Amino acid sequence: MTTALLIIDVQHALCTGKYQCFDIERVIDNINNLSAKARDAGIPVILIQHEEKGDLLQHGSEGWQLAQTLSTSKHDLRVRKTTHDSFYQTHLQALLQDQGADRLIICGLQTDYCVNATVRQALKLGYDVVLAADAHSTVDNGNLAAEDIIAEHNADLERLTGPVARIDVLPSAKIRV
């Protein structure tokens, strides 16, 4: 299997201030550890950035920029998106096909939106997915605390399976790149 690492929406507006995701420093540390292992192994790292006009995530704005503490490389690939699903109307699938990827390690922000939608779509498209259980986060939603949302999604996504693909949910330290 050929693997790619997807890092979803680890952007300034979601890592600081009013919309700062739960335990963000630990989450970014785990993402940085995963991306370092991936780069060392020659696995493509794909940075995905959400954008919305007139919003905190407007393309080029301070909030749209990647988090300052996120480790990146000039060799990382980039995808811009406008919906929760990182595949919808983007070049992500073509990029993955060019890389020969059939297994995706997924991490990033926000668990209940973009991470969830991308994991589910990847499964539908036939990719084996490894969700880094401790390398994604979100914010409280008024009904559930962020920590509970993360735990719920880890449990729910781990139970999904497709006709040709699967989802594994593992702590980042146990993920083999």
N, C-alpha and C. Protein backbone atom coordinates (compact mmCIF):
# COMPACT_ATOMS: atom_id res chain seq x y z
N MET A 1 0.83 -1.19 0.00
CA MET A 1 0.00 0.00 0.00
C MET A 1 0.88 1.25 0.00
N THR A 2 0.44 2.24 -0.73
CA THR A 2 1.12 3.53 -0.74
C THR A 2 0.30 4.50 0.09
N THR A 3 0.96 5.18 0.98
CA THR A 3 0.29 6.01 1.98
C THR A 3 0.51 7.49 1.70
N ALA A 4 -0.47 8.31 2.08
CA ALA A 4 -0.33 9.76 2.11
C ALA A 4 -0.89 10.25 3.44
N LEU A 5 -0.32 11.33 3.96
CA LEU A 5 -0.79 11.95 5.19
C LEU A 5 -1.57 13.21 4.84
N LEU A 6 -2.83 13.27 5.28
CA LEU A 6 -3.65 14.46 5.08
C LEU A 6 -3.73 15.22 6.39
N ILE A 7 -3.36 16.49 6.36
CA ILE A 7 -3.48 17.37 7.52
C ILE A 7 -4.53 18.41 7.17
N ILE A 8 -5.67 18.33 7.85
CA ILE A 8 -6.83 19.12 7.47
C ILE A 8 -6.99 20.36 8.35
N ASP A 9 -6.99 21.52 7.73
CA ASP A 9 -7.44 22.79 8.33
C ASP A 9 -6.75 23.20 9.64
N VAL A 10 -5.48 22.92 9.77
CA VAL A 10 -4.76 23.37 10.97
C VAL A 10 -4.34 24.82 10.69
N GLN A 11 -5.33 25.69 10.80
CA GLN A 11 -5.20 27.09 10.41
C GLN A 11 -5.30 28.00 11.63
N HIS A 12 -4.70 29.15 11.50
CA HIS A 12 -4.58 30.10 12.60
C HIS A 12 -5.91 30.37 13.31
N ALA A 13 -6.97 30.61 12.56
CA ALA A 13 -8.27 30.96 13.17
C ALA A 13 -8.84 29.84 14.03
N LEU A 14 -8.43 28.59 13.78
CA LEU A 14 -8.93 27.46 14.55
C LEU A 14 -7.98 27.03 15.66
N CYS A 15 -6.86 27.73 15.76
CA CYS A 15 -5.84 27.36 16.74
C CYS A 15 -5.61 28.45 17.78
N THR A 16 -6.30 29.56 17.64
CA THR A 16 -6.15 30.68 18.58
C THR A 16 -7.51 31.35 18.78
N GLY A 17 -7.63 32.08 19.86
CA GLY A 17 -8.80 32.93 20.07
C GLY A 17 -10.10 32.18 20.27
N LYS A 18 -11.17 32.81 19.86
CA LYS A 18 -12.54 32.34 20.09
C LYS A 18 -12.81 30.94 19.57
N TYR A 19 -12.20 30.57 18.45
CA TYR A 19 -12.48 29.28 17.81
C TYR A 19 -11.36 28.26 18.03
N GLN A 20 -10.52 28.50 19.03
CA GLN A 20 -9.41 27.59 19.31
C GLN A 20 -9.95 26.21 19.68
N CYS A 21 -9.46 25.21 18.98
CA CYS A 21 -9.90 23.84 19.23
C CYS A 21 -9.30 23.29 20.52
N PHE A 22 -9.98 22.32 21.08
CA PHE A 22 -9.61 21.67 22.34
C PHE A 22 -8.19 21.10 22.29
N ASP A 23 -7.42 21.40 23.33
CA ASP A 23 -6.10 20.82 23.55
C ASP A 23 -5.20 20.96 22.31
N ILE A 24 -5.28 22.12 21.68
CA ILE A 24 -4.66 22.31 20.38
C ILE A 24 -3.14 22.12 20.37
N GLU A 25 -2.46 22.51 21.43
CA GLU A 25 -1.00 22.35 21.45
C GLU A 25 -0.62 20.88 21.37
N ARG A 26 -1.29 20.03 22.14
CA ARG A 26 -1.01 18.59 22.12
C ARG A 26 -1.35 18.01 20.75
N VAL A 27 -2.48 18.42 20.19
CA VAL A 27 -2.90 17.92 18.88
C VAL A 27 -1.87 18.29 17.81
N ILE A 28 -1.42 19.54 17.82
CA ILE A 28 -0.41 19.95 16.83
C ILE A 28 0.90 19.21 17.04
N ASP A 29 1.30 18.98 18.29
CA ASP A 29 2.50 18.18 18.55
C ASP A 29 2.36 16.79 17.94
N ASN A 30 1.21 16.16 18.12
CA ASN A 30 0.99 14.84 17.54
C ASN A 30 1.00 14.87 16.02
N ILE A 31 0.40 15.90 15.44
CA ILE A 31 0.42 16.06 13.98
C ILE A 31 1.86 16.25 13.50
N ASN A 32 2.61 17.09 14.20
CA ASN A 32 4.01 17.33 13.81
C ASN A 32 4.84 16.05 13.89
N ASN A 33 4.59 15.22 14.89
CA ASN A 33 5.30 13.94 15.00
C ASN A 33 4.94 13.02 13.83
N LEU A 34 3.66 12.98 13.48
CA LEU A 34 3.24 12.17 12.34
C LEU A 34 3.85 12.68 11.04
N SER A 35 3.83 13.99 10.84
CA SER A 35 4.35 14.52 9.58
C SER A 35 5.86 14.34 9.48
N ALA A 36 6.57 14.41 10.60
CA ALA A 36 8.03 14.16 10.59
C ALA A 36 8.30 12.71 10.18
N LYS A 37 7.54 11.76 10.74
CA LYS A 37 7.71 10.35 10.37
C LYS A 37 7.39 10.15 8.89
N ALA A 38 6.33 10.79 8.42
CA ALA A 38 5.94 10.65 7.01
C ALA A 38 7.02 11.21 6.09
N ARG A 39 7.52 12.39 6.40
CA ARG A 39 8.56 12.99 5.55
C ARG A 39 9.82 12.13 5.55
N ASP A 40 10.20 11.62 6.73
CA ASP A 40 11.38 10.76 6.82
C ASP A 40 11.22 9.49 5.98
N ALA A 41 9.98 9.00 5.87
CA ALA A 41 9.70 7.78 5.12
C ALA A 41 9.42 8.07 3.64
N GLY A 42 9.44 9.34 3.25
CA GLY A 42 9.17 9.69 1.86
C GLY A 42 7.69 9.64 1.49
N ILE A 43 6.84 9.72 2.50
CA ILE A 43 5.40 9.69 2.28
C ILE A 43 4.90 11.12 2.05
N PRO A 44 4.07 11.32 1.03
CA PRO A 44 3.57 12.68 0.78
C PRO A 44 2.74 13.22 1.94
N VAL A 45 2.99 14.47 2.27
CA VAL A 45 2.22 15.19 3.27
C VAL A 45 1.39 16.23 2.52
N ILE A 46 0.09 16.18 2.73
CA ILE A 46 -0.81 17.09 2.02
C ILE A 46 -1.49 17.99 3.04
N LEU A 47 -1.25 19.28 2.91
CA LEU A 47 -1.82 20.31 3.78
C LEU A 47 -3.09 20.83 3.12
N ILE A 48 -4.20 20.69 3.82
CA ILE A 48 -5.49 21.11 3.28
C ILE A 48 -5.96 22.33 4.06
N GLN A 49 -6.38 23.37 3.32
CA GLN A 49 -6.82 24.61 3.95
C GLN A 49 -8.21 24.97 3.48
N HIS A 50 -9.08 25.22 4.46
CA HIS A 50 -10.45 25.64 4.19
C HIS A 50 -10.46 27.15 3.94
N GLU A 51 -11.36 27.58 3.08
CA GLU A 51 -11.50 29.03 2.85
C GLU A 51 -12.96 29.38 2.60
N GLU A 52 -13.33 30.56 3.09
CA GLU A 52 -14.67 31.10 2.86
C GLU A 52 -14.56 32.60 2.68
N LYS A 53 -15.21 33.11 1.68
CA LYS A 53 -15.19 34.55 1.43
C LYS A 53 -15.86 35.29 2.58
N GLY A 54 -15.26 36.40 2.99
CA GLY A 54 -15.83 37.25 4.01
C GLY A 54 -15.87 36.61 5.39
N ASP A 55 -15.03 35.64 5.62
CA ASP A 55 -15.03 34.88 6.86
C ASP A 55 -13.64 34.92 7.47
N LEU A 56 -13.53 34.38 8.68
CA LEU A 56 -12.21 34.27 9.33
C LEU A 56 -11.23 33.47 8.49
N LEU A 57 -11.76 32.62 7.62
CA LEU A 57 -10.91 31.77 6.79
C LEU A 57 -10.87 32.24 5.33
N GLN A 58 -11.01 33.53 5.12
CA GLN A 58 -10.91 34.06 3.76
C GLN A 58 -9.50 33.82 3.25
N HIS A 59 -9.40 33.36 2.01
CA HIS A 59 -8.09 33.05 1.41
C HIS A 59 -7.13 34.23 1.58
N GLY A 60 -5.96 33.93 2.09
CA GLY A 60 -4.92 34.94 2.26
C GLY A 60 -4.96 35.69 3.57
N SER A 61 -6.07 35.59 4.30
CA SER A 61 -6.18 36.32 5.57
C SER A 61 -5.30 35.67 6.64
N GLU A 62 -5.15 36.37 7.76
CA GLU A 62 -4.36 35.82 8.86
C GLU A 62 -4.97 34.52 9.38
N GLY A 63 -6.28 34.49 9.52
CA GLY A 63 -6.95 33.29 10.00
C GLY A 63 -6.81 32.10 9.08
N TRP A 64 -6.67 32.35 7.78
CA TRP A 64 -6.54 31.29 6.77
C TRP A 64 -5.16 30.65 6.80
N GLN A 65 -4.17 31.38 7.26
CA GLN A 65 -2.79 30.86 7.27
C GLN A 65 -2.69 29.61 8.14
N LEU A 66 -1.74 28.76 7.82
CA LEU A 66 -1.50 27.59 8.66
C LEU A 66 -1.03 28.04 10.03
N ALA A 67 -1.33 27.24 11.05
CA ALA A 67 -0.91 27.56 12.42
C ALA A 67 0.60 27.71 12.47
N GLN A 68 1.05 28.68 13.25
CA GLN A 68 2.48 28.97 13.34
C GLN A 68 3.29 27.79 13.87
N THR A 69 2.69 26.98 14.73
CA THR A 69 3.43 25.87 15.32
C THR A 69 3.33 24.58 14.50
N LEU A 70 2.60 24.61 13.38
CA LEU A 70 2.52 23.44 12.51
C LEU A 70 3.80 23.34 11.68
N SER A 71 4.47 22.22 11.77
CA SER A 71 5.69 22.01 10.98
C SER A 71 5.31 21.70 9.54
N THR A 72 5.93 22.42 8.62
CA THR A 72 5.68 22.20 7.20
C THR A 72 7.01 22.10 6.46
N SER A 73 6.93 21.68 5.23
CA SER A 73 8.10 21.57 4.37
C SER A 73 7.74 22.14 3.00
N LYS A 74 8.73 22.63 2.31
CA LYS A 74 8.49 23.15 0.96
C LYS A 74 8.06 22.03 0.01
N HIS A 75 8.26 20.79 0.40
CA HIS A 75 7.87 19.65 -0.42
C HIS A 75 6.44 19.19 -0.16
N ASP A 76 5.80 19.72 0.89
CA ASP A 76 4.42 19.36 1.18
C ASP A 76 3.52 19.81 0.03
N LEU A 77 2.50 19.03 -0.23
CA LEU A 77 1.53 19.36 -1.25
C LEU A 77 0.39 20.13 -0.59
N ARG A 78 -0.32 20.92 -1.37
CA ARG A 78 -1.37 21.77 -0.80
C ARG A 78 -2.67 21.65 -1.59
N VAL A 79 -3.76 21.71 -0.82
CA VAL A 79 -5.10 21.66 -1.41
C VAL A 79 -5.94 22.73 -0.71
N ARG A 80 -6.64 23.53 -1.52
CA ARG A 80 -7.60 24.50 -0.99
C ARG A 80 -8.99 23.93 -1.18
N LYS A 81 -9.86 24.16 -0.17
CA LYS A 81 -11.23 23.64 -0.26
C LYS A 81 -12.22 24.67 0.27
N THR A 82 -13.47 24.50 -0.11
CA THR A 82 -14.53 25.42 0.32
C THR A 82 -15.69 24.71 1.01
N THR A 83 -15.60 23.39 1.18
CA THR A 83 -16.63 22.63 1.87
C THR A 83 -15.96 21.73 2.91
N HIS A 84 -16.76 21.06 3.73
CA HIS A 84 -16.22 20.17 4.74
C HIS A 84 -15.44 19.01 4.12
N ASP A 85 -15.91 18.51 3.00
CA ASP A 85 -15.30 17.37 2.33
C ASP A 85 -14.08 17.82 1.53
N SER A 86 -12.91 17.33 1.91
CA SER A 86 -11.66 17.74 1.25
C SER A 86 -11.57 17.26 -0.19
N PHE A 87 -12.43 16.35 -0.59
CA PHE A 87 -12.42 15.83 -1.97
C PHE A 87 -13.34 16.65 -2.89
N TYR A 88 -14.38 17.26 -2.34
CA TYR A 88 -15.42 17.89 -3.15
C TYR A 88 -14.89 19.13 -3.87
N GLN A 89 -14.93 19.08 -5.19
CA GLN A 89 -14.50 20.18 -6.06
C GLN A 89 -13.08 20.66 -5.74
N THR A 90 -12.20 19.71 -5.43
CA THR A 90 -10.77 20.01 -5.24
C THR A 90 -9.98 19.05 -6.12
N HIS A 91 -8.69 19.24 -6.13
CA HIS A 91 -7.82 18.34 -6.90
C HIS A 91 -7.21 17.24 -6.01
N LEU A 92 -7.77 17.03 -4.80
CA LEU A 92 -7.20 16.06 -3.87
C LEU A 92 -7.14 14.65 -4.46
N GLN A 93 -8.24 14.17 -5.02
CA GLN A 93 -8.23 12.81 -5.54
C GLN A 93 -7.21 12.65 -6.68
N ALA A 94 -7.13 13.62 -7.56
CA ALA A 94 -6.14 13.55 -8.64
C ALA A 94 -4.72 13.54 -8.07
N LEU A 95 -4.49 14.35 -7.06
CA LEU A 95 -3.19 14.41 -6.40
C LEU A 95 -2.84 13.05 -5.78
N LEU A 96 -3.80 12.44 -5.11
CA LEU A 96 -3.57 11.12 -4.50
C LEU A 96 -3.32 10.06 -5.57
N GLN A 97 -4.03 10.13 -6.67
CA GLN A 97 -3.81 9.19 -7.77
C GLN A 97 -2.42 9.38 -8.36
N ASP A 98 -2.00 10.63 -8.51
CA ASP A 98 -0.64 10.90 -9.01
C ASP A 98 0.42 10.32 -8.09
N GLN A 99 0.14 10.31 -6.79
CA GLN A 99 1.08 9.79 -5.80
C GLN A 99 0.95 8.27 -5.65
N GLY A 100 -0.07 7.68 -6.26
CA GLY A 100 -0.31 6.25 -6.15
C GLY A 100 -0.84 5.84 -4.79
N ALA A 101 -1.44 6.77 -4.07
CA ALA A 101 -1.90 6.50 -2.69
C ALA A 101 -3.19 5.70 -2.69
N ASP A 102 -3.21 4.68 -1.84
CA ASP A 102 -4.44 3.94 -1.61
C ASP A 102 -4.74 3.81 -0.11
N ARG A 103 -3.88 4.41 0.71
CA ARG A 103 -4.06 4.42 2.17
C ARG A 103 -3.82 5.85 2.65
N LEU A 104 -4.74 6.37 3.47
CA LEU A 104 -4.63 7.73 3.95
C LEU A 104 -4.56 7.76 5.47
N ILE A 105 -3.61 8.51 5.99
CA ILE A 105 -3.58 8.83 7.41
C ILE A 105 -4.18 10.23 7.50
N ILE A 106 -5.19 10.37 8.34
CA ILE A 106 -5.92 11.64 8.40
C ILE A 106 -5.87 12.21 9.81
N CYS A 107 -5.60 13.52 9.87
CA CYS A 107 -5.58 14.25 11.14
C CYS A 107 -5.97 15.70 10.85
N GLY A 108 -6.21 16.48 11.90
CA GLY A 108 -6.49 17.90 11.70
C GLY A 108 -7.71 18.40 12.44
N LEU A 109 -8.34 19.42 11.86
CA LEU A 109 -9.44 20.14 12.49
C LEU A 109 -10.60 20.24 11.50
N GLN A 110 -11.75 20.36 11.86
CA GLN A 110 -12.45 20.06 13.06
C GLN A 110 -13.06 18.69 12.96
N THR A 111 -12.99 17.96 14.05
CA THR A 111 -13.42 16.56 14.11
C THR A 111 -14.79 16.35 13.50
N ASP A 112 -15.78 17.11 13.95
CA ASP A 112 -17.17 16.87 13.59
C ASP A 112 -17.57 17.50 12.26
N TYR A 113 -16.68 18.16 11.61
CA TYR A 113 -16.97 18.77 10.32
C TYR A 113 -16.03 18.21 9.25
N CYS A 114 -14.93 18.87 9.04
CA CYS A 114 -14.05 18.54 7.91
C CYS A 114 -13.35 17.20 8.06
N VAL A 115 -12.93 16.84 9.27
CA VAL A 115 -12.28 15.54 9.46
C VAL A 115 -13.30 14.43 9.21
N ASN A 116 -14.45 14.52 9.83
CA ASN A 116 -15.50 13.52 9.64
C ASN A 116 -15.89 13.37 8.17
N ALA A 117 -16.17 14.47 7.50
CA ALA A 117 -16.60 14.41 6.10
C ALA A 117 -15.52 13.81 5.20
N THR A 118 -14.27 14.17 5.45
CA THR A 118 -13.18 13.68 4.61
C THR A 118 -12.92 12.19 4.85
N VAL A 119 -12.96 11.75 6.10
CA VAL A 119 -12.78 10.33 6.41
C VAL A 119 -13.87 9.51 5.72
N ARG A 120 -15.10 9.95 5.84
CA ARG A 120 -16.22 9.20 5.25
C ARG A 120 -16.13 9.16 3.72
N GLN A 121 -15.76 10.27 3.11
CA GLN A 121 -15.65 10.31 1.65
C GLN A 121 -14.48 9.45 1.18
N ALA A 122 -13.38 9.48 1.91
CA ALA A 122 -12.23 8.65 1.55
C ALA A 122 -12.63 7.17 1.54
N LEU A 123 -13.39 6.76 2.55
CA LEU A 123 -13.86 5.38 2.61
C LEU A 123 -14.74 5.07 1.40
N LYS A 124 -15.66 5.97 1.07
CA LYS A 124 -16.55 5.76 -0.08
C LYS A 124 -15.76 5.63 -1.38
N LEU A 125 -14.64 6.36 -1.46
CA LEU A 125 -13.82 6.33 -2.67
C LEU A 125 -12.88 5.13 -2.70
N GLY A 126 -12.89 4.31 -1.64
CA GLY A 126 -12.09 3.09 -1.64
C GLY A 126 -10.73 3.20 -1.00
N TYR A 127 -10.45 4.30 -0.31
CA TYR A 127 -9.17 4.43 0.39
C TYR A 127 -9.26 3.75 1.76
N ASP A 128 -8.22 3.01 2.12
CA ASP A 128 -8.08 2.59 3.51
C ASP A 128 -7.68 3.82 4.29
N VAL A 129 -8.30 4.02 5.45
CA VAL A 129 -8.07 5.22 6.24
C VAL A 129 -7.57 4.85 7.63
N VAL A 130 -6.57 5.59 8.08
CA VAL A 130 -6.15 5.52 9.47
C VAL A 130 -6.40 6.91 10.04
N LEU A 131 -7.33 7.00 10.98
CA LEU A 131 -7.61 8.25 11.66
C LEU A 131 -6.73 8.31 12.90
N ALA A 132 -5.93 9.36 13.01
CA ALA A 132 -5.07 9.54 14.18
C ALA A 132 -5.94 10.01 15.33
N ALA A 133 -6.26 9.10 16.24
CA ALA A 133 -7.24 9.34 17.30
C ALA A 133 -6.92 10.53 18.18
N ASP A 134 -5.65 10.84 18.35
CA ASP A 134 -5.22 11.93 19.23
C ASP A 134 -4.63 13.11 18.46
N ALA A 135 -4.92 13.17 17.17
CA ALA A 135 -4.37 14.24 16.34
C ALA A 135 -5.46 14.93 15.52
N HIS A 136 -6.65 14.99 16.10
CA HIS A 136 -7.73 15.80 15.54
C HIS A 136 -8.49 16.41 16.71
N SER A 137 -9.14 17.54 16.44
CA SER A 137 -9.81 18.25 17.52
C SER A 137 -10.94 19.11 16.98
N THR A 138 -11.69 19.68 17.92
CA THR A 138 -12.82 20.54 17.60
C THR A 138 -13.11 21.44 18.80
N VAL A 139 -14.26 22.10 18.77
CA VAL A 139 -14.69 22.96 19.88
C VAL A 139 -15.99 22.41 20.47
N ASP A 140 -16.32 22.84 21.68
CA ASP A 140 -17.60 22.48 22.29
C ASP A 140 -18.71 22.96 21.35
N ASN A 141 -19.81 22.21 21.29
CA ASN A 141 -20.88 22.61 20.37
C ASN A 141 -22.16 23.07 21.06
N GLY A 142 -22.12 23.24 22.38
CA GLY A 142 -23.31 23.65 23.11
C GLY A 142 -24.06 22.48 23.72
N ASN A 143 -23.92 21.31 23.13
CA ASN A 143 -24.52 20.09 23.66
C ASN A 143 -23.47 19.14 24.23
N LEU A 144 -22.34 19.09 23.57
CA LEU A 144 -21.26 18.19 23.97
C LEU A 144 -19.95 18.97 24.09
N ALA A 145 -19.13 18.53 25.02
CA ALA A 145 -17.78 19.09 25.13
C ALA A 145 -16.94 18.54 23.99
N ALA A 146 -15.97 19.32 23.57
CA ALA A 146 -15.10 18.90 22.47
C ALA A 146 -14.49 17.52 22.71
N GLU A 147 -14.06 17.29 23.93
CA GLU A 147 -13.44 16.00 24.27
C GLU A 147 -14.41 14.83 24.01
N ASP A 148 -15.69 15.05 24.29
CA ASP A 148 -16.70 14.02 24.06
C ASP A 148 -16.99 13.85 22.57
N ILE A 149 -16.99 14.94 21.83
CA ILE A 149 -17.20 14.88 20.38
C ILE A 149 -16.08 14.07 19.73
N ILE A 150 -14.86 14.32 20.15
CA ILE A 150 -13.70 13.60 19.60
C ILE A 150 -13.83 12.11 19.90
N ALA A 151 -14.14 11.76 21.15
CA ALA A 151 -14.27 10.36 21.54
C ALA A 151 -15.40 9.68 20.77
N GLU A 152 -16.52 10.39 20.61
CA GLU A 152 -17.66 9.83 19.88
C GLU A 152 -17.30 9.56 18.42
N HIS A 153 -16.63 10.50 17.79
CA HIS A 153 -16.25 10.30 16.39
C HIS A 153 -15.21 9.18 16.24
N ASN A 154 -14.27 9.10 17.16
CA ASN A 154 -13.31 8.00 17.10
C ASN A 154 -14.04 6.66 17.15
N ALA A 155 -14.99 6.53 18.05
CA ALA A 155 -15.74 5.28 18.18
C ALA A 155 -16.63 5.02 16.96
N ASP A 156 -17.35 6.03 16.50
CA ASP A 156 -18.26 5.86 15.36
C ASP A 156 -17.51 5.54 14.07
N LEU A 157 -16.44 6.27 13.79
CA LEU A 157 -15.71 6.06 12.55
C LEU A 157 -15.00 4.71 12.53
N GLU A 158 -14.55 4.26 13.69
CA GLU A 158 -13.87 2.97 13.75
C GLU A 158 -14.81 1.82 13.39
N ARG A 159 -16.10 2.00 13.59
CA ARG A 159 -17.08 0.95 13.29
C ARG A 159 -17.47 0.90 11.81
N LEU A 160 -17.11 1.93 11.06
CA LEU A 160 -17.49 1.94 9.64
C LEU A 160 -16.57 1.02 8.83
N THR A 161 -17.12 0.47 7.81
CA THR A 161 -16.33 -0.30 6.86
C THR A 161 -17.00 -0.18 5.51
N GLY A 162 -16.22 -0.39 4.48
CA GLY A 162 -16.76 -0.33 3.14
C GLY A 162 -16.53 -1.66 2.44
N PRO A 163 -17.04 -1.80 1.23
CA PRO A 163 -16.87 -3.07 0.52
C PRO A 163 -15.41 -3.37 0.16
N VAL A 164 -14.60 -2.33 0.01
CA VAL A 164 -13.20 -2.55 -0.38
C VAL A 164 -12.20 -1.82 0.50
N ALA A 165 -12.69 -1.10 1.50
CA ALA A 165 -11.78 -0.29 2.32
C ALA A 165 -12.22 -0.33 3.78
N ARG A 166 -11.35 0.19 4.64
CA ARG A 166 -11.62 0.15 6.08
C ARG A 166 -11.11 1.42 6.74
N ILE A 167 -11.58 1.65 7.95
CA ILE A 167 -11.09 2.75 8.78
C ILE A 167 -10.53 2.15 10.06
N ASP A 168 -9.30 2.50 10.36
CA ASP A 168 -8.69 2.15 11.64
C ASP A 168 -8.50 3.46 12.41
N VAL A 169 -8.74 3.43 13.70
CA VAL A 169 -8.54 4.59 14.54
C VAL A 169 -7.48 4.22 15.56
N LEU A 170 -6.33 4.91 15.47
CA LEU A 170 -5.18 4.57 16.30
C LEU A 170 -4.55 5.82 16.89
N PRO A 171 -3.95 5.70 18.08
CA PRO A 171 -3.15 6.82 18.59
C PRO A 171 -2.00 7.09 17.63
N SER A 172 -1.62 8.34 17.49
CA SER A 172 -0.60 8.70 16.51
C SER A 172 0.71 7.96 16.72
N ALA A 173 1.10 7.68 17.95
CA ALA A 173 2.35 6.98 18.21
C ALA A 173 2.35 5.54 17.70
N LYS A 174 1.16 4.98 17.47
CA LYS A 174 1.06 3.59 17.00
C LYS A 174 0.83 3.48 15.50
N ILE A 175 0.77 4.61 14.82
CA ILE A 175 0.53 4.58 13.38
C ILE A 175 1.83 4.33 12.64
N ARG A 176 1.81 3.28 11.82
CA ARG A 176 2.97 2.98 10.97
C ARG A 176 2.80 3.72 9.66
N VAL A 177 3.79 4.50 9.32
CA VAL A 177 3.73 5.21 8.05
C VAL A 177 4.31 4.31 7.00
